[in-house]
């Protein structure tokens, strides 16, 4: 379910956003929602870290490495410390 959010912006900016949205065949609300979603996504550190772990895991799998290989590498590094 959607909720409303009331924001205050300069009337000139509001007019410009409305014109750009209309030119793109979108509503002002669609444009604002997209911008807010991008803002949150770009700053969501938890999602970024999860994505990072996924990429690391995929890279290790692509190289044919297993959990045992990773555990062995960790043990070797800890021995050196």
Protein backbone atom coordinates (compact mmCIF):
# COMPACT_ATOMS: atom_id res chain seq x y z
CA UNK A 1 0.00 0.00 0.00
CA UNK A 2 1.30 3.43 -0.93
CA UNK A 3 1.59 6.36 1.44
CA UNK A 4 1.78 10.02 0.71
CA UNK A 5 4.79 12.19 1.39
CA UNK A 6 4.53 15.93 1.37
CA UNK A 7 7.66 17.82 0.37
CA UNK A 8 8.31 21.48 -0.18
CA UNK A 9 10.25 22.62 -3.23
CA UNK A 10 10.67 25.87 -5.10
CA UNK A 11 7.81 26.49 -7.55
CA UNK A 12 10.25 26.88 -10.48
CA UNK A 13 11.81 23.50 -9.71
CA UNK A 14 8.38 21.90 -9.42
CA UNK A 15 7.44 23.26 -12.83
CA UNK A 16 10.68 22.02 -14.39
CA UNK A 17 10.25 18.54 -12.90
CA UNK A 18 6.67 18.42 -14.17
CA UNK A 19 7.77 19.40 -17.70
CA UNK A 20 10.58 16.85 -17.79
CA UNK A 21 8.31 14.12 -16.43
CA UNK A 22 5.64 14.91 -18.99
CA UNK A 23 8.22 14.87 -21.80
CA UNK A 24 9.22 11.38 -20.66
CA UNK A 25 5.60 10.25 -20.47
CA UNK A 26 5.74 9.94 -16.68
CA UNK A 27 3.98 11.58 -13.79
CA UNK A 28 5.85 13.81 -11.38
CA UNK A 29 5.19 11.20 -8.69
CA UNK A 30 6.83 8.47 -10.79
CA UNK A 31 9.93 10.63 -11.28
CA UNK A 32 10.17 11.48 -7.58
CA UNK A 33 9.65 7.83 -6.55
CA UNK A 34 12.41 6.74 -8.92
CA UNK A 35 14.79 9.36 -7.57
CA UNK A 36 14.07 8.39 -3.96
CA UNK A 37 14.51 4.68 -4.74
CA UNK A 38 17.87 5.38 -6.40
CA UNK A 39 18.93 7.59 -3.49
CA UNK A 40 18.17 4.89 -0.93
CA UNK A 41 19.69 2.11 -3.05
CA UNK A 42 22.92 4.07 -3.52
CA UNK A 43 23.25 4.67 0.21
CA UNK A 44 22.07 1.32 1.60
CA UNK A 45 25.35 -0.03 2.99
CA UNK A 46 23.76 -3.34 4.04
CA UNK A 47 22.59 -4.10 0.51
CA UNK A 48 25.99 -3.02 -0.82
CA UNK A 49 27.81 -5.41 1.52
CA UNK A 50 25.43 -8.26 0.67
CA UNK A 51 26.06 -7.63 -3.02
CA UNK A 52 29.79 -7.53 -2.39
CA UNK A 53 29.71 -10.92 -0.64
CA UNK A 54 27.65 -12.32 -3.53
CA UNK A 55 30.20 -11.06 -6.07
CA UNK A 56 33.09 -12.47 -4.04
CA UNK A 57 31.35 -15.83 -3.76
CA UNK A 58 30.60 -15.91 -7.48
CA UNK A 59 34.22 -15.03 -8.31
CA UNK A 60 35.53 -17.80 -6.06
CA UNK A 61 33.13 -20.33 -7.61
CA UNK A 62 34.11 -19.22 -11.11
CA UNK A 63 37.74 -19.93 -10.20
CA UNK A 64 36.78 -23.38 -8.93
CA UNK A 65 37.57 -22.63 -5.28
CA UNK A 66 35.63 -24.29 -2.48
CA UNK A 67 34.92 -23.53 1.17
CA UNK A 68 37.84 -25.77 2.07
CA UNK A 69 40.16 -23.69 -0.11
CA UNK A 70 39.00 -20.49 1.58
CA UNK A 71 39.35 -22.00 5.05
CA UNK A 72 42.87 -23.18 4.19
CA UNK A 73 43.85 -19.72 2.94
CA UNK A 74 42.51 -18.13 6.14
CA UNK A 75 44.49 -20.57 8.31
CA UNK A 76 47.67 -19.83 6.36
CA UNK A 77 47.25 -16.09 6.71
CA UNK A 78 46.54 -16.39 10.44
CA UNK A 79 49.70 -18.49 10.91
CA UNK A 80 51.75 -15.64 9.43
CA UNK A 81 50.28 -13.08 11.81
